[in-house]
């Protein structure tokens, strides 16, 4: 397979500390599809919540973001991008 097709999967497997094989491909697909679907749910209900604050009135959507992020973090614990996430208090993230 061409390098441009496998480069991301090889990098993800390395960050996960797993071998890059067919099993990892399906594991990667499962995590990506599941998290992506939940993020679509979060995006949809974030817009609904903006207009109707009583829908998801607590912090359930934020908790779902944290939960999904932790699932991804556990699946690729050695990814250098987590350093940036840990830097959440940086002034560049001010709104």
Protein backbone atom coordinates (compact mmCIF):
# COMPACT_ATOMS: atom_id res chain seq x y z
CA UNK A 1 0.00 0.00 0.00
CA UNK A 2 1.20 3.50 -0.73
CA UNK A 3 2.89 5.34 2.12
CA UNK A 4 0.41 8.22 2.03
CA UNK A 5 -2.37 5.72 2.77
CA UNK A 6 -0.66 4.10 5.74
CA UNK A 7 1.39 6.90 7.28
CA UNK A 8 -1.33 8.05 9.70
CA UNK A 9 -2.12 4.50 10.78
CA UNK A 10 1.58 3.77 11.38
CA UNK A 11 1.94 6.96 13.44
CA UNK A 12 -1.20 6.18 15.43
CA UNK A 13 -0.06 2.62 16.12
CA UNK A 14 3.31 3.92 17.29
CA UNK A 15 1.63 6.45 19.63
CA UNK A 16 -0.61 3.65 20.90
CA UNK A 17 2.33 1.32 21.47
CA UNK A 18 0.69 -1.29 19.23
CA UNK A 19 1.80 -3.09 16.08
CA UNK A 20 0.46 -1.64 12.84
CA UNK A 21 -1.51 -4.56 11.43
CA UNK A 22 -5.04 -5.43 10.32
CA UNK A 23 -6.18 -5.81 13.93
CA UNK A 24 -4.99 -2.29 14.73
CA UNK A 25 -6.70 -1.00 11.59
CA UNK A 26 -10.07 -2.27 12.90
CA UNK A 27 -9.34 -0.99 16.41
CA UNK A 28 -8.50 2.44 14.96
CA UNK A 29 -11.68 2.39 12.85
CA UNK A 30 -13.81 1.44 15.87
CA UNK A 31 -12.44 4.26 18.03
CA UNK A 32 -12.72 6.82 15.21
CA UNK A 33 -16.26 5.85 14.22
CA UNK A 34 -17.55 5.66 17.78
CA UNK A 35 -15.96 8.94 18.88
CA UNK A 36 -16.94 10.66 15.63
CA UNK A 37 -20.56 9.64 16.06
CA UNK A 38 -20.63 10.91 19.62
CA UNK A 39 -19.00 14.19 18.56
CA UNK A 40 -21.75 14.61 15.93
CA UNK A 41 -24.31 14.11 18.74
CA UNK A 42 -22.48 16.68 20.88
CA UNK A 43 -22.33 19.17 17.99
CA UNK A 44 -26.04 18.80 17.24
CA UNK A 45 -27.17 19.16 20.83
CA UNK A 46 -24.75 22.04 21.45
CA UNK A 47 -26.68 23.99 18.82
CA UNK A 48 -30.00 22.89 20.31
CA UNK A 49 -28.76 23.85 23.79
CA UNK A 50 -27.69 27.29 22.54
CA UNK A 51 -31.28 28.03 21.49
CA UNK A 52 -33.09 26.00 24.17
CA UNK A 53 -30.86 26.07 27.29
CA UNK A 54 -33.14 23.67 29.14
CA UNK A 55 -32.11 20.86 26.73
CA UNK A 56 -28.99 19.27 28.25
CA UNK A 57 -29.29 21.83 31.04
CA UNK A 58 -26.44 20.46 33.15
CA UNK A 59 -22.90 19.90 32.01
CA UNK A 60 -23.65 16.62 30.26
CA UNK A 61 -22.29 17.74 26.89
CA UNK A 62 -19.03 18.95 28.44
CA UNK A 63 -18.76 15.68 30.37
CA UNK A 64 -19.25 13.75 27.12
CA UNK A 65 -16.39 15.73 25.52
CA UNK A 66 -14.11 14.92 28.45
CA UNK A 67 -15.12 11.25 28.40
CA UNK A 68 -14.49 10.89 24.65
CA UNK A 69 -11.20 12.76 24.90
CA UNK A 70 -10.09 10.39 27.65
CA UNK A 71 -11.07 7.36 25.52
CA UNK A 72 -8.92 8.71 22.69
CA UNK A 73 -6.14 9.60 25.12
CA UNK A 74 -6.09 6.05 26.46
CA UNK A 75 -5.95 4.67 22.92
CA UNK A 76 -2.91 6.81 21.92
CA UNK A 77 -1.22 7.70 25.22
CA UNK A 78 2.16 8.59 23.71
CA UNK A 79 0.87 11.22 21.25
CA UNK A 80 2.73 14.51 21.65
CA UNK A 81 -0.51 16.46 21.11
CA UNK A 82 -1.57 15.73 24.68
CA UNK A 83 1.02 18.26 25.85
CA UNK A 84 -1.00 20.95 24.08
CA UNK A 85 -4.24 19.72 25.70
CA UNK A 86 -2.57 19.87 29.10
CA UNK A 87 -1.70 23.50 28.27
CA UNK A 88 -5.38 24.49 28.42
CA UNK A 89 -4.74 27.57 30.54
CA UNK A 90 -2.57 29.26 27.89
CA UNK A 91 -3.75 32.77 27.00
CA UNK A 92 -4.09 31.80 23.32
CA UNK A 93 -7.17 29.79 24.33
CA UNK A 94 -8.95 32.78 25.82
CA UNK A 95 -12.35 33.37 24.25
